[in-house]
Amino acid sequence: MELYDVMRTTPAVREFTGDPLPDETLRRILENARFAPSGGNRQGTRVIVVRDPATREQLARLNEPAVRRYVAQIKAGQSPWNPLEPPAPSAHEIAATEVPEAFTKPVLTAAAVLVFVVDLGVVAAMDQDLDRVGMISGASVYPLVWNTLLAARNEGFGGTITTMAVAEEPAVRELLGIPDQYAVAAVVPIGKPVREVTKLRRVPVEELVRLERFDGDPLPDR
């Protein structure tokens, strides 16, 4: 596929046909995705390919606590898991919230699940002393995650970035034998999409981009 076509037609895929993802195709996807940049080109990211159904069942269960809070906050009118305000629902209300199947099914039905982890000993987290949630270390792992999804699209496969299991990171580390100095960045189910999406909804450039300042003029279209 042409590059811009891949960029404009790579959706979050959560429903899969059940077709296998051959090892040679997965290797080709990762062979090309690995050229993503990382801080200082230190390449501290590692990818764990999970195919075992029992392990995937446990990963799906580890999604559930974060999903309960996510759903409960949406019902309460909050942006879920936002770091600026505490949850409006009580701990009891969150614990009583049902987990929609859509949040766990992709991990169970994908052809494979890729778990991306990054070595915190080699990332340059320049925001570590700021009074907010850290963001910068993600620059050393998420380009690889997105390159993987773009490459999957090019091969006729698809997936989605999920992060619910990260809330239970110690349990994920134990399940997959991940060393303590590695952070879990994403759990990516990948497989053959049930539907081919040809058009995505995104904000226009005029809303996305401003010149010189946050409140500056929009980027002109000509």
N, C-alpha and C. Protein backbone atom coordinates (compact mmCIF):
# COMPACT_ATOMS: atom_id res chain seq x y z
N MET A 1 0.84 -1.20 0.00
CA MET A 1 0.00 0.00 0.00
C MET A 1 0.87 1.25 0.00
N GLU A 2 0.34 2.34 -0.57
CA GLU A 2 1.03 3.62 -0.56
C GLU A 2 1.04 4.17 0.86
N LEU A 3 2.13 4.84 1.26
CA LEU A 3 2.34 5.24 2.66
C LEU A 3 1.17 6.04 3.21
N TYR A 4 0.74 7.08 2.51
CA TYR A 4 -0.33 7.91 3.03
C TYR A 4 -1.65 7.14 3.14
N ASP A 5 -1.86 6.19 2.24
CA ASP A 5 -3.06 5.35 2.34
C ASP A 5 -3.03 4.53 3.63
N VAL A 6 -1.87 3.97 3.96
CA VAL A 6 -1.73 3.21 5.20
C VAL A 6 -1.98 4.10 6.41
N MET A 7 -1.41 5.30 6.39
CA MET A 7 -1.56 6.22 7.52
C MET A 7 -3.01 6.65 7.72
N ARG A 8 -3.75 6.80 6.62
CA ARG A 8 -5.12 7.30 6.70
C ARG A 8 -6.15 6.19 6.88
N THR A 9 -5.73 4.93 6.82
CA THR A 9 -6.71 3.83 6.88
C THR A 9 -6.31 2.75 7.88
N THR A 10 -5.52 3.13 8.90
CA THR A 10 -5.15 2.17 9.93
C THR A 10 -6.01 2.42 11.16
N PRO A 11 -7.07 1.62 11.35
CA PRO A 11 -7.99 1.85 12.46
C PRO A 11 -7.60 1.04 13.69
N ALA A 12 -8.33 1.27 14.76
CA ALA A 12 -8.22 0.39 15.93
C ALA A 12 -9.09 -0.83 15.67
N VAL A 13 -8.45 -1.96 15.45
CA VAL A 13 -9.17 -3.20 15.11
C VAL A 13 -9.36 -4.04 16.37
N ARG A 14 -10.61 -4.36 16.68
CA ARG A 14 -10.93 -5.13 17.88
C ARG A 14 -11.69 -6.43 17.58
N GLU A 15 -12.09 -6.60 16.32
CA GLU A 15 -12.82 -7.81 15.94
C GLU A 15 -12.02 -8.54 14.87
N PHE A 16 -11.78 -9.82 15.11
CA PHE A 16 -10.90 -10.59 14.24
C PHE A 16 -11.62 -11.82 13.68
N THR A 17 -11.16 -12.25 12.51
CA THR A 17 -11.82 -13.35 11.80
C THR A 17 -11.50 -14.72 12.37
N GLY A 18 -10.42 -14.83 13.09
CA GLY A 18 -9.96 -16.15 13.54
C GLY A 18 -8.89 -16.73 12.64
N ASP A 19 -8.58 -16.04 11.53
CA ASP A 19 -7.48 -16.50 10.67
C ASP A 19 -6.16 -16.39 11.42
N PRO A 20 -5.24 -17.29 11.15
CA PRO A 20 -3.95 -17.24 11.84
C PRO A 20 -3.08 -16.10 11.34
N LEU A 21 -2.13 -15.72 12.16
CA LEU A 21 -1.07 -14.78 11.78
C LEU A 21 0.21 -15.59 11.70
N PRO A 22 0.62 -15.97 10.49
CA PRO A 22 1.81 -16.82 10.36
C PRO A 22 3.05 -16.15 10.94
N ASP A 23 3.95 -16.97 11.47
CA ASP A 23 5.17 -16.43 12.05
C ASP A 23 5.96 -15.61 11.04
N GLU A 24 5.97 -16.06 9.76
CA GLU A 24 6.75 -15.32 8.77
C GLU A 24 6.16 -13.94 8.50
N THR A 25 4.83 -13.84 8.58
CA THR A 25 4.19 -12.53 8.40
C THR A 25 4.47 -11.63 9.60
N LEU A 26 4.35 -12.19 10.81
CA LEU A 26 4.65 -11.42 12.01
C LEU A 26 6.09 -10.96 12.01
N ARG A 27 6.99 -11.83 11.59
CA ARG A 27 8.40 -11.43 11.54
C ARG A 27 8.61 -10.29 10.55
N ARG A 28 7.92 -10.35 9.40
CA ARG A 28 8.06 -9.29 8.40
C ARG A 28 7.52 -7.96 8.95
N ILE A 29 6.41 -8.02 9.67
CA ILE A 29 5.86 -6.83 10.30
C ILE A 29 6.87 -6.21 11.26
N LEU A 30 7.43 -7.03 12.13
CA LEU A 30 8.37 -6.52 13.14
C LEU A 30 9.74 -6.19 12.55
N GLU A 31 10.10 -6.88 11.49
CA GLU A 31 11.36 -6.59 10.80
C GLU A 31 11.36 -5.15 10.29
N ASN A 32 10.21 -4.69 9.81
CA ASN A 32 10.11 -3.32 9.32
C ASN A 32 9.78 -2.32 10.43
N ALA A 33 8.95 -2.73 11.38
CA ALA A 33 8.56 -1.83 12.46
C ALA A 33 9.75 -1.44 13.34
N ARG A 34 10.75 -2.30 13.43
CA ARG A 34 11.87 -2.08 14.36
C ARG A 34 12.70 -0.85 14.02
N PHE A 35 12.48 -0.26 12.83
CA PHE A 35 13.22 0.94 12.47
C PHE A 35 12.62 2.21 13.06
N ALA A 36 11.65 2.06 13.95
CA ALA A 36 11.11 3.22 14.67
C ALA A 36 12.20 3.86 15.52
N PRO A 37 12.12 5.18 15.73
CA PRO A 37 13.13 5.85 16.55
C PRO A 37 12.92 5.59 18.03
N SER A 38 13.99 5.79 18.79
CA SER A 38 13.91 5.75 20.25
C SER A 38 14.95 6.74 20.79
N GLY A 39 14.79 7.16 22.05
CA GLY A 39 15.69 8.15 22.63
C GLY A 39 17.14 7.70 22.57
N GLY A 40 18.00 8.50 21.94
CA GLY A 40 19.41 8.16 21.84
C GLY A 40 19.66 6.90 21.03
N ASN A 41 18.66 6.43 20.30
CA ASN A 41 18.73 5.16 19.58
C ASN A 41 19.15 4.02 20.50
N ARG A 42 18.70 4.09 21.78
CA ARG A 42 19.09 3.06 22.75
C ARG A 42 18.24 1.80 22.63
N GLN A 43 17.10 1.89 21.97
CA GLN A 43 16.31 0.71 21.60
C GLN A 43 16.03 -0.20 22.80
N GLY A 44 15.47 0.41 23.84
CA GLY A 44 15.22 -0.36 25.06
C GLY A 44 13.91 -1.12 25.08
N THR A 45 13.18 -1.12 23.97
CA THR A 45 11.89 -1.80 23.91
C THR A 45 12.08 -3.28 23.58
N ARG A 46 11.26 -4.11 24.19
CA ARG A 46 11.19 -5.53 23.85
C ARG A 46 9.73 -5.90 23.61
N VAL A 47 9.51 -6.91 22.79
CA VAL A 47 8.16 -7.33 22.42
C VAL A 47 7.99 -8.80 22.79
N ILE A 48 6.94 -9.10 23.53
CA ILE A 48 6.62 -10.47 23.91
C ILE A 48 5.39 -10.90 23.10
N VAL A 49 5.53 -11.95 22.32
CA VAL A 49 4.42 -12.47 21.51
C VAL A 49 3.71 -13.55 22.32
N VAL A 50 2.46 -13.32 22.63
CA VAL A 50 1.68 -14.25 23.45
C VAL A 50 0.63 -14.91 22.58
N ARG A 51 0.74 -16.22 22.43
CA ARG A 51 -0.25 -17.00 21.69
C ARG A 51 -1.00 -17.98 22.61
N ASP A 52 -0.40 -18.37 23.71
CA ASP A 52 -0.97 -19.37 24.59
C ASP A 52 -2.33 -18.91 25.14
N PRO A 53 -3.40 -19.70 24.93
CA PRO A 53 -4.74 -19.28 25.37
C PRO A 53 -4.84 -19.05 26.88
N ALA A 54 -4.17 -19.86 27.66
CA ALA A 54 -4.26 -19.71 29.12
C ALA A 54 -3.63 -18.40 29.57
N THR A 55 -2.50 -18.05 28.98
CA THR A 55 -1.85 -16.79 29.32
C THR A 55 -2.73 -15.62 28.90
N ARG A 56 -3.35 -15.74 27.75
CA ARG A 56 -4.22 -14.67 27.27
C ARG A 56 -5.46 -14.52 28.16
N GLU A 57 -5.97 -15.61 28.68
CA GLU A 57 -7.09 -15.55 29.63
C GLU A 57 -6.69 -14.74 30.86
N GLN A 58 -5.48 -14.97 31.34
CA GLN A 58 -5.01 -14.23 32.51
C GLN A 58 -4.80 -12.75 32.18
N LEU A 59 -4.28 -12.46 30.99
CA LEU A 59 -4.13 -11.07 30.57
C LEU A 59 -5.49 -10.37 30.50
N ALA A 60 -6.47 -11.07 29.96
CA ALA A 60 -7.81 -10.50 29.86
C ALA A 60 -8.36 -10.18 31.25
N ARG A 61 -8.14 -11.08 32.20
CA ARG A 61 -8.62 -10.83 33.57
C ARG A 61 -7.91 -9.64 34.20
N LEU A 62 -6.64 -9.46 33.85
CA LEU A 62 -5.90 -8.33 34.40
C LEU A 62 -6.40 -6.99 33.84
N ASN A 63 -7.13 -7.02 32.74
CA ASN A 63 -7.76 -5.81 32.21
C ASN A 63 -8.91 -5.33 33.10
N GLU A 64 -9.55 -6.25 33.80
CA GLU A 64 -10.86 -5.97 34.39
C GLU A 64 -10.87 -4.86 35.44
N PRO A 65 -9.91 -4.79 36.39
CA PRO A 65 -9.98 -3.71 37.37
C PRO A 65 -9.97 -2.32 36.73
N ALA A 66 -9.09 -2.11 35.75
CA ALA A 66 -9.02 -0.81 35.09
C ALA A 66 -10.27 -0.53 34.27
N VAL A 67 -10.82 -1.57 33.66
CA VAL A 67 -12.05 -1.39 32.87
C VAL A 67 -13.21 -0.97 33.76
N ARG A 68 -13.31 -1.55 34.94
CA ARG A 68 -14.39 -1.18 35.86
C ARG A 68 -14.35 0.32 36.17
N ARG A 69 -13.16 0.81 36.49
CA ARG A 69 -13.05 2.25 36.77
C ARG A 69 -13.36 3.05 35.51
N TYR A 70 -12.86 2.61 34.36
CA TYR A 70 -13.07 3.30 33.09
C TYR A 70 -14.57 3.47 32.82
N VAL A 71 -15.29 2.37 32.91
CA VAL A 71 -16.73 2.39 32.61
C VAL A 71 -17.50 3.19 33.65
N ALA A 72 -17.14 3.02 34.92
CA ALA A 72 -17.84 3.75 35.99
C ALA A 72 -17.65 5.25 35.84
N GLN A 73 -16.46 5.68 35.48
CA GLN A 73 -16.21 7.11 35.32
C GLN A 73 -16.97 7.68 34.12
N ILE A 74 -17.04 6.93 33.04
CA ILE A 74 -17.82 7.39 31.88
C ILE A 74 -19.28 7.57 32.28
N LYS A 75 -19.83 6.60 33.01
CA LYS A 75 -21.23 6.70 33.44
C LYS A 75 -21.43 7.90 34.36
N ALA A 76 -20.40 8.29 35.08
CA ALA A 76 -20.49 9.44 35.98
C ALA A 76 -20.20 10.76 35.27
N GLY A 77 -19.96 10.70 33.95
CA GLY A 77 -19.72 11.92 33.19
C GLY A 77 -18.29 12.40 33.21
N GLN A 78 -17.36 11.54 33.63
CA GLN A 78 -15.95 11.92 33.67
C GLN A 78 -15.20 11.37 32.47
N SER A 79 -14.09 12.03 32.15
CA SER A 79 -13.15 11.45 31.20
C SER A 79 -12.36 10.38 31.97
N PRO A 80 -12.47 9.12 31.57
CA PRO A 80 -11.95 8.04 32.42
C PRO A 80 -10.43 8.05 32.56
N TRP A 81 -10.00 7.78 33.77
CA TRP A 81 -8.58 7.66 34.12
C TRP A 81 -7.80 8.94 33.84
N ASN A 82 -8.48 10.08 33.76
CA ASN A 82 -7.72 11.31 33.55
C ASN A 82 -6.95 11.63 34.84
N PRO A 83 -5.73 12.15 34.72
CA PRO A 83 -4.89 12.35 35.91
C PRO A 83 -5.13 13.66 36.65
N LEU A 84 -6.13 14.43 36.25
CA LEU A 84 -6.35 15.74 36.86
C LEU A 84 -7.41 15.73 37.96
N GLU A 85 -8.23 14.67 38.03
CA GLU A 85 -9.27 14.63 39.05
C GLU A 85 -9.47 13.19 39.51
N PRO A 86 -9.83 13.00 40.78
CA PRO A 86 -10.07 11.64 41.28
C PRO A 86 -11.40 11.11 40.72
N PRO A 87 -11.59 9.80 40.75
CA PRO A 87 -12.84 9.24 40.27
C PRO A 87 -14.03 9.74 41.08
N ALA A 88 -15.09 10.11 40.39
CA ALA A 88 -16.32 10.50 41.09
C ALA A 88 -17.02 9.29 41.71
N PRO A 89 -17.06 8.13 41.02
CA PRO A 89 -17.69 6.95 41.63
C PRO A 89 -16.86 6.46 42.82
N SER A 90 -17.53 5.92 43.79
CA SER A 90 -16.84 5.37 44.96
C SER A 90 -16.14 4.06 44.59
N ALA A 91 -15.25 3.63 45.47
CA ALA A 91 -14.56 2.35 45.25
C ALA A 91 -15.57 1.21 45.18
N HIS A 92 -16.63 1.28 45.97
CA HIS A 92 -17.67 0.24 45.94
C HIS A 92 -18.40 0.25 44.59
N GLU A 93 -18.71 1.45 44.10
CA GLU A 93 -19.40 1.55 42.81
C GLU A 93 -18.52 1.04 41.68
N ILE A 94 -17.24 1.35 41.74
CA ILE A 94 -16.32 0.86 40.71
C ILE A 94 -16.23 -0.66 40.74
N ALA A 95 -16.10 -1.23 41.94
CA ALA A 95 -15.99 -2.68 42.07
C ALA A 95 -17.24 -3.40 41.59
N ALA A 96 -18.39 -2.73 41.68
CA ALA A 96 -19.66 -3.34 41.28
C ALA A 96 -19.96 -3.16 39.79
N THR A 97 -19.12 -2.43 39.08
CA THR A 97 -19.36 -2.16 37.66
C THR A 97 -19.04 -3.39 36.82
N GLU A 98 -19.93 -3.73 35.91
CA GLU A 98 -19.71 -4.88 35.03
C GLU A 98 -18.67 -4.54 33.96
N VAL A 99 -17.92 -5.55 33.55
CA VAL A 99 -16.89 -5.39 32.53
C VAL A 99 -17.47 -5.77 31.17
N PRO A 100 -17.66 -4.82 30.26
CA PRO A 100 -18.16 -5.17 28.93
C PRO A 100 -17.20 -6.11 28.21
N GLU A 101 -17.76 -7.07 27.52
CA GLU A 101 -16.95 -8.07 26.82
C GLU A 101 -15.99 -7.43 25.82
N ALA A 102 -16.39 -6.29 25.24
CA ALA A 102 -15.57 -5.64 24.21
C ALA A 102 -14.18 -5.28 24.71
N PHE A 103 -14.01 -5.12 26.03
CA PHE A 103 -12.71 -4.73 26.57
C PHE A 103 -11.77 -5.92 26.76
N THR A 104 -12.29 -7.10 26.81
CA THR A 104 -11.43 -8.27 27.03
C THR A 104 -11.40 -9.23 25.84
N LYS A 105 -12.44 -9.22 25.03
CA LYS A 105 -12.54 -10.17 23.92
C LYS A 105 -11.38 -10.08 22.93
N PRO A 106 -10.91 -8.86 22.55
CA PRO A 106 -9.81 -8.82 21.57
C PRO A 106 -8.56 -9.59 22.01
N VAL A 107 -8.25 -9.56 23.30
CA VAL A 107 -7.08 -10.28 23.79
C VAL A 107 -7.27 -11.80 23.63
N LEU A 108 -8.51 -12.24 23.67
CA LEU A 108 -8.81 -13.67 23.59
C LEU A 108 -8.96 -14.17 22.16
N THR A 109 -9.39 -13.30 21.24
CA THR A 109 -9.75 -13.74 19.89
C THR A 109 -8.74 -13.35 18.83
N ALA A 110 -7.77 -12.52 19.15
CA ALA A 110 -6.75 -12.13 18.18
C ALA A 110 -5.88 -13.33 17.82
N ALA A 111 -5.22 -13.25 16.69
CA ALA A 111 -4.31 -14.32 16.29
C ALA A 111 -3.09 -14.37 17.21
N ALA A 112 -2.69 -13.22 17.71
CA ALA A 112 -1.57 -13.13 18.66
C ALA A 112 -1.72 -11.84 19.45
N VAL A 113 -1.11 -11.80 20.60
CA VAL A 113 -1.10 -10.59 21.42
C VAL A 113 0.36 -10.18 21.63
N LEU A 114 0.66 -8.94 21.29
CA LEU A 114 2.02 -8.42 21.44
C LEU A 114 2.06 -7.53 22.68
N VAL A 115 2.96 -7.82 23.59
CA VAL A 115 3.12 -7.00 24.79
C VAL A 115 4.44 -6.24 24.65
N PHE A 116 4.33 -4.91 24.61
CA PHE A 116 5.49 -4.04 24.44
C PHE A 116 5.95 -3.55 25.80
N VAL A 117 7.23 -3.74 26.09
CA VAL A 117 7.79 -3.27 27.36
C VAL A 117 9.04 -2.44 27.06
N VAL A 118 9.36 -1.52 27.97
CA VAL A 118 10.51 -0.64 27.73
C VAL A 118 11.37 -0.58 28.99
N ASP A 119 12.66 -0.65 28.79
CA ASP A 119 13.64 -0.61 29.88
C ASP A 119 13.76 0.82 30.40
N LEU A 120 13.30 1.06 31.63
CA LEU A 120 13.35 2.40 32.20
C LEU A 120 14.77 2.87 32.49
N GLY A 121 15.72 1.96 32.45
CA GLY A 121 17.10 2.33 32.67
C GLY A 121 17.75 3.00 31.48
N VAL A 122 17.11 2.99 30.32
CA VAL A 122 17.71 3.59 29.13
C VAL A 122 16.84 4.68 28.51
N VAL A 123 15.70 5.04 29.14
CA VAL A 123 14.89 6.14 28.61
C VAL A 123 15.30 7.45 29.28
N ALA A 124 15.19 8.54 28.53
CA ALA A 124 15.50 9.86 29.06
C ALA A 124 14.18 10.54 29.40
N ALA A 125 13.75 10.40 30.65
CA ALA A 125 12.46 10.94 31.08
C ALA A 125 12.65 12.35 31.63
N MET A 126 12.74 13.31 30.71
CA MET A 126 13.02 14.70 31.12
C MET A 126 11.91 15.31 31.96
N ASP A 127 10.75 14.69 31.99
CA ASP A 127 9.63 15.24 32.78
C ASP A 127 9.48 14.54 34.13
N GLN A 128 10.46 13.77 34.55
CA GLN A 128 10.30 12.98 35.78
C GLN A 128 10.18 13.82 37.03
N ASP A 129 10.65 15.07 37.00
CA ASP A 129 10.57 15.92 38.18
C ASP A 129 9.42 16.93 38.12
N LEU A 130 8.63 16.88 37.08
CA LEU A 130 7.47 17.77 36.97
C LEU A 130 6.32 17.24 37.81
N ASP A 131 5.45 18.15 38.22
CA ASP A 131 4.32 17.77 39.07
C ASP A 131 3.14 17.34 38.20
N ARG A 132 3.35 16.29 37.44
CA ARG A 132 2.30 15.72 36.59
C ARG A 132 2.71 14.31 36.20
N VAL A 133 1.79 13.62 35.56
CA VAL A 133 2.08 12.27 35.07
C VAL A 133 3.16 12.34 33.99
N GLY A 134 4.11 11.43 34.03
CA GLY A 134 5.17 11.41 33.03
C GLY A 134 4.68 10.99 31.66
N MET A 135 5.24 11.62 30.62
CA MET A 135 4.86 11.32 29.24
C MET A 135 6.06 11.02 28.35
N ILE A 136 7.18 11.63 28.65
CA ILE A 136 8.27 11.68 27.69
C ILE A 136 8.88 10.31 27.39
N SER A 137 8.95 9.44 28.37
CA SER A 137 9.58 8.13 28.13
C SER A 137 8.81 7.32 27.09
N GLY A 138 7.53 7.65 26.87
CA GLY A 138 6.76 6.96 25.84
C GLY A 138 7.31 7.17 24.45
N ALA A 139 8.09 8.25 24.26
CA ALA A 139 8.68 8.51 22.95
C ALA A 139 9.65 7.41 22.53
N SER A 140 10.12 6.61 23.49
CA SER A 140 11.07 5.54 23.19
C SER A 140 10.41 4.20 22.94
N VAL A 141 9.05 4.15 23.00
CA VAL A 141 8.38 2.87 22.78
C VAL A 141 7.19 2.98 21.84
N TYR A 142 6.41 4.07 21.93
CA TYR A 142 5.18 4.13 21.13
C TYR A 142 5.40 4.28 19.63
N PRO A 143 6.51 4.91 19.18
CA PRO A 143 6.75 4.85 17.74
C PRO A 143 6.86 3.42 17.21
N LEU A 144 7.48 2.52 17.98
CA LEU A 144 7.57 1.12 17.57
C LEU A 144 6.19 0.47 17.56
N VAL A 145 5.37 0.78 18.57
CA VAL A 145 4.02 0.21 18.62
C VAL A 145 3.23 0.63 17.39
N TRP A 146 3.29 1.93 17.06
CA TRP A 146 2.50 2.41 15.92
C TRP A 146 3.08 1.91 14.61
N ASN A 147 4.40 1.84 14.49
CA ASN A 147 4.98 1.25 13.28
C ASN A 147 4.49 -0.19 13.09
N THR A 148 4.35 -0.91 14.19
CA THR A 148 3.87 -2.30 14.10
C THR A 148 2.45 -2.34 13.55
N LEU A 149 1.60 -1.43 13.99
CA LEU A 149 0.21 -1.41 13.50
C LEU A 149 0.15 -0.95 12.04
N LEU A 150 1.01 -0.01 11.65
CA LEU A 150 1.05 0.39 10.25
C LEU A 150 1.52 -0.76 9.36
N ALA A 151 2.55 -1.46 9.82
CA ALA A 151 3.06 -2.60 9.05
C ALA A 151 2.03 -3.72 8.98
N ALA A 152 1.30 -3.92 10.09
CA ALA A 152 0.23 -4.93 10.08
C ALA A 152 -0.84 -4.58 9.06
N ARG A 153 -1.21 -3.32 9.00
CA ARG A 153 -2.19 -2.86 8.01
C ARG A 153 -1.70 -3.14 6.61
N ASN A 154 -0.42 -2.90 6.36
CA ASN A 154 0.16 -3.14 5.04
C ASN A 154 0.11 -4.61 4.66
N GLU A 155 0.10 -5.48 5.68
CA GLU A 155 0.07 -6.93 5.43
C GLU A 155 -1.35 -7.49 5.46
N GLY A 156 -2.35 -6.61 5.62
CA GLY A 156 -3.74 -7.08 5.65
C GLY A 156 -4.21 -7.49 7.03
N PHE A 157 -3.45 -7.14 8.07
CA PHE A 157 -3.83 -7.44 9.44
C PHE A 157 -4.11 -6.12 10.18
N GLY A 158 -4.51 -6.23 11.42
CA GLY A 158 -4.80 -5.04 12.19
C GLY A 158 -4.78 -5.34 13.67
N GLY A 159 -4.84 -4.29 14.47
CA GLY A 159 -4.84 -4.46 15.92
C GLY A 159 -5.19 -3.15 16.59
N THR A 160 -5.00 -3.11 17.88
CA THR A 160 -5.28 -1.89 18.62
C THR A 160 -4.37 -1.80 19.84
N ILE A 161 -4.06 -0.57 20.23
CA ILE A 161 -3.26 -0.34 21.43
C ILE A 161 -4.19 -0.40 22.64
N THR A 162 -3.95 -1.33 23.55
CA THR A 162 -4.70 -1.38 24.80
C THR A 162 -3.73 -1.18 25.96
N THR A 163 -4.23 -0.56 27.02
CA THR A 163 -3.37 -0.26 28.17
C THR A 163 -4.04 -0.60 29.50
N MET A 164 -5.22 -1.21 29.47
CA MET A 164 -5.94 -1.50 30.71
C MET A 164 -5.11 -2.38 31.64
N ALA A 165 -4.42 -3.36 31.10
CA ALA A 165 -3.65 -4.28 31.94
C ALA A 165 -2.48 -3.60 32.63
N VAL A 166 -2.05 -2.43 32.13
CA VAL A 166 -0.91 -1.73 32.72
C VAL A 166 -1.20 -1.32 34.17
N ALA A 167 -2.48 -1.09 34.48
CA ALA A 167 -2.83 -0.74 35.86
C ALA A 167 -2.48 -1.86 36.83
N GLU A 168 -2.35 -3.07 36.31
CA GLU A 168 -1.96 -4.23 37.12
C GLU A 168 -0.56 -4.69 36.73
N GLU A 169 0.33 -3.74 36.50
CA GLU A 169 1.66 -4.05 35.97
C GLU A 169 2.44 -5.10 36.77
N PRO A 170 2.47 -5.06 38.10
CA PRO A 170 3.21 -6.10 38.82
C PRO A 170 2.74 -7.52 38.47
N ALA A 171 1.43 -7.67 38.31
CA ALA A 171 0.89 -9.00 37.96
C ALA A 171 1.25 -9.37 36.53
N VAL A 172 1.26 -8.38 35.63
CA VAL A 172 1.66 -8.65 34.24
C VAL A 172 3.13 -9.06 34.19
N ARG A 173 3.96 -8.36 34.97
CA ARG A 173 5.38 -8.74 35.03
C ARG A 173 5.55 -10.18 35.49
N GLU A 174 4.83 -10.54 36.54
CA GLU A 174 4.95 -11.90 37.06
C GLU A 174 4.47 -12.92 36.05
N LEU A 175 3.36 -12.62 35.37
CA LEU A 175 2.79 -13.54 34.39
C LEU A 175 3.74 -13.82 33.24
N LEU A 176 4.43 -12.79 32.79
CA LEU A 176 5.25 -12.90 31.58
C LEU A 176 6.76 -12.91 31.86
N GLY A 177 7.15 -12.92 33.14
CA GLY A 177 8.56 -12.96 33.48
C GLY A 177 9.33 -11.71 33.09
N ILE A 178 8.68 -10.57 33.23
CA ILE A 178 9.29 -9.28 32.84
C ILE A 178 10.12 -8.75 34.01
N PRO A 179 11.37 -8.37 33.78
CA PRO A 179 12.19 -7.79 34.86
C PRO A 179 11.58 -6.51 35.41
N ASP A 180 11.88 -6.22 36.67
CA ASP A 180 11.28 -5.07 37.36
C ASP A 180 11.58 -3.74 36.70
N GLN A 181 12.74 -3.61 36.06
CA GLN A 181 13.10 -2.30 35.50
C GLN A 181 12.39 -2.00 34.18
N TYR A 182 11.59 -2.94 33.70
CA TYR A 182 10.83 -2.72 32.47
C TYR A 182 9.42 -2.27 32.79
N ALA A 183 8.95 -1.25 32.08
CA ALA A 183 7.57 -0.79 32.19
C ALA A 183 6.75 -1.43 31.07
N VAL A 184 5.54 -1.85 31.39
CA VAL A 184 4.63 -2.37 30.37
C VAL A 184 3.97 -1.17 29.70
N ALA A 185 4.15 -1.04 28.39
CA ALA A 185 3.66 0.14 27.67
C ALA A 185 2.37 -0.12 26.91
N ALA A 186 2.18 -1.32 26.39
CA ALA A 186 0.98 -1.59 25.59
C ALA A 186 0.79 -3.10 25.43
N VAL A 187 -0.46 -3.48 25.38
CA VAL A 187 -0.86 -4.84 25.04
C VAL A 187 -1.65 -4.74 23.73
N VAL A 188 -1.12 -5.33 22.66
CA VAL A 188 -1.66 -5.13 21.32
C VAL A 188 -2.16 -6.44 20.73
N PRO A 189 -3.49 -6.67 20.75
CA PRO A 189 -4.04 -7.81 20.03
C PRO A 189 -3.92 -7.55 18.53
N ILE A 190 -3.57 -8.57 17.78
CA ILE A 190 -3.38 -8.39 16.34
C ILE A 190 -3.93 -9.61 15.60
N GLY A 191 -4.58 -9.36 14.47
CA GLY A 191 -5.16 -10.44 13.70
C GLY A 191 -5.78 -9.92 12.42
N LYS A 192 -6.51 -10.79 11.73
CA LYS A 192 -7.18 -10.41 10.48
C LYS A 192 -8.49 -9.71 10.82
N PRO A 193 -8.69 -8.46 10.36
CA PRO A 193 -9.91 -7.73 10.71
C PRO A 193 -11.17 -8.35 10.11
N VAL A 194 -12.25 -8.31 10.87
CA VAL A 194 -13.55 -8.73 10.35
C VAL A 194 -14.01 -7.78 9.25
N ARG A 195 -13.78 -6.47 9.46
CA ARG A 195 -14.20 -5.46 8.48
C ARG A 195 -13.00 -4.62 8.06
N GLU A 196 -12.99 -4.24 6.79
CA GLU A 196 -11.97 -3.33 6.28
C GLU A 196 -12.50 -1.90 6.37
N VAL A 197 -11.88 -1.08 7.18
CA VAL A 197 -12.28 0.31 7.32
C VAL A 197 -11.54 1.14 6.28
N THR A 198 -12.27 1.98 5.55
CA THR A 198 -11.64 2.78 4.51
C THR A 198 -11.63 4.27 4.83
N LYS A 199 -12.38 4.68 5.86
CA LYS A 199 -12.42 6.10 6.21
C LYS A 199 -12.46 6.25 7.72
N LEU A 200 -11.55 7.05 8.26
CA LEU A 200 -11.48 7.29 9.70
C LEU A 200 -11.95 8.71 10.01
N ARG A 201 -12.51 8.90 11.19
CA ARG A 201 -12.95 10.22 11.62
C ARG A 201 -11.87 10.85 12.51
N ARG A 202 -11.34 11.98 12.09
CA ARG A 202 -10.34 12.70 12.86
C ARG A 202 -10.63 14.20 12.76
N VAL A 203 -10.14 14.97 13.73
CA VAL A 203 -10.35 16.41 13.68
C VAL A 203 -9.59 16.98 12.49
N PRO A 204 -10.09 18.05 11.88
CA PRO A 204 -9.40 18.65 10.74
C PRO A 204 -8.11 19.33 11.18
N VAL A 205 -7.22 19.57 10.21
CA VAL A 205 -5.95 20.22 10.49
C VAL A 205 -6.17 21.59 11.14
N GLU A 206 -7.23 22.29 10.71
CA GLU A 206 -7.51 23.62 11.25
C GLU A 206 -7.76 23.59 12.76
N GLU A 207 -8.29 22.49 13.24
CA GLU A 207 -8.52 22.35 14.68
C GLU A 207 -7.30 21.79 15.39
N LEU A 208 -6.52 21.01 14.68
CA LEU A 208 -5.38 20.32 15.28
C LEU A 208 -4.15 21.21 15.46
N VAL A 209 -3.94 22.14 14.53
CA VAL A 209 -2.66 22.84 14.45
C VAL A 209 -2.85 24.35 14.64
N ARG A 210 -1.95 24.95 15.43
CA ARG A 210 -1.92 26.40 15.62
C ARG A 210 -0.50 26.91 15.36
N LEU A 211 -0.40 28.14 14.89
CA LEU A 211 0.89 28.74 14.58
C LEU A 211 1.42 29.55 15.76
N GLU A 212 2.65 29.31 16.09
CA GLU A 212 3.45 30.09 17.04
C GLU A 212 3.05 29.93 18.51
N ARG A 213 1.74 29.86 18.83
CA ARG A 213 1.27 29.75 20.21
C ARG A 213 0.08 28.81 20.27
N PHE A 214 -0.24 28.34 21.49
CA PHE A 214 -1.40 27.46 21.67
C PHE A 214 -2.68 28.13 21.16
N ASP A 215 -2.77 29.45 21.32
CA ASP A 215 -3.96 30.19 20.89
C ASP A 215 -3.71 30.93 19.58
N GLY A 216 -2.72 30.48 18.80
CA GLY A 216 -2.39 31.15 17.55
C GLY A 216 -3.36 30.84 16.44
N ASP A 217 -3.07 31.40 15.26
CA ASP A 217 -3.92 31.17 14.09
C ASP A 217 -3.75 29.74 13.59
N PRO A 218 -4.81 29.19 12.98
CA PRO A 218 -4.67 27.85 12.39
C PRO A 218 -3.73 27.85 11.19
N LEU A 219 -3.16 26.70 10.90
CA LEU A 219 -2.32 26.54 9.72
C LEU A 219 -3.18 26.76 8.48
N PRO A 220 -2.79 27.68 7.59
CA PRO A 220 -3.62 27.94 6.40
C PRO A 220 -3.64 26.73 5.46
N ASP A 221 -4.72 26.62 4.70
CA ASP A 221 -4.87 25.49 3.80
C ASP A 221 -4.30 25.75 2.42
N ARG A 222 -3.71 26.90 2.23
CA ARG A 222 -3.06 27.18 0.94
C ARG A 222 -1.93 28.19 1.14
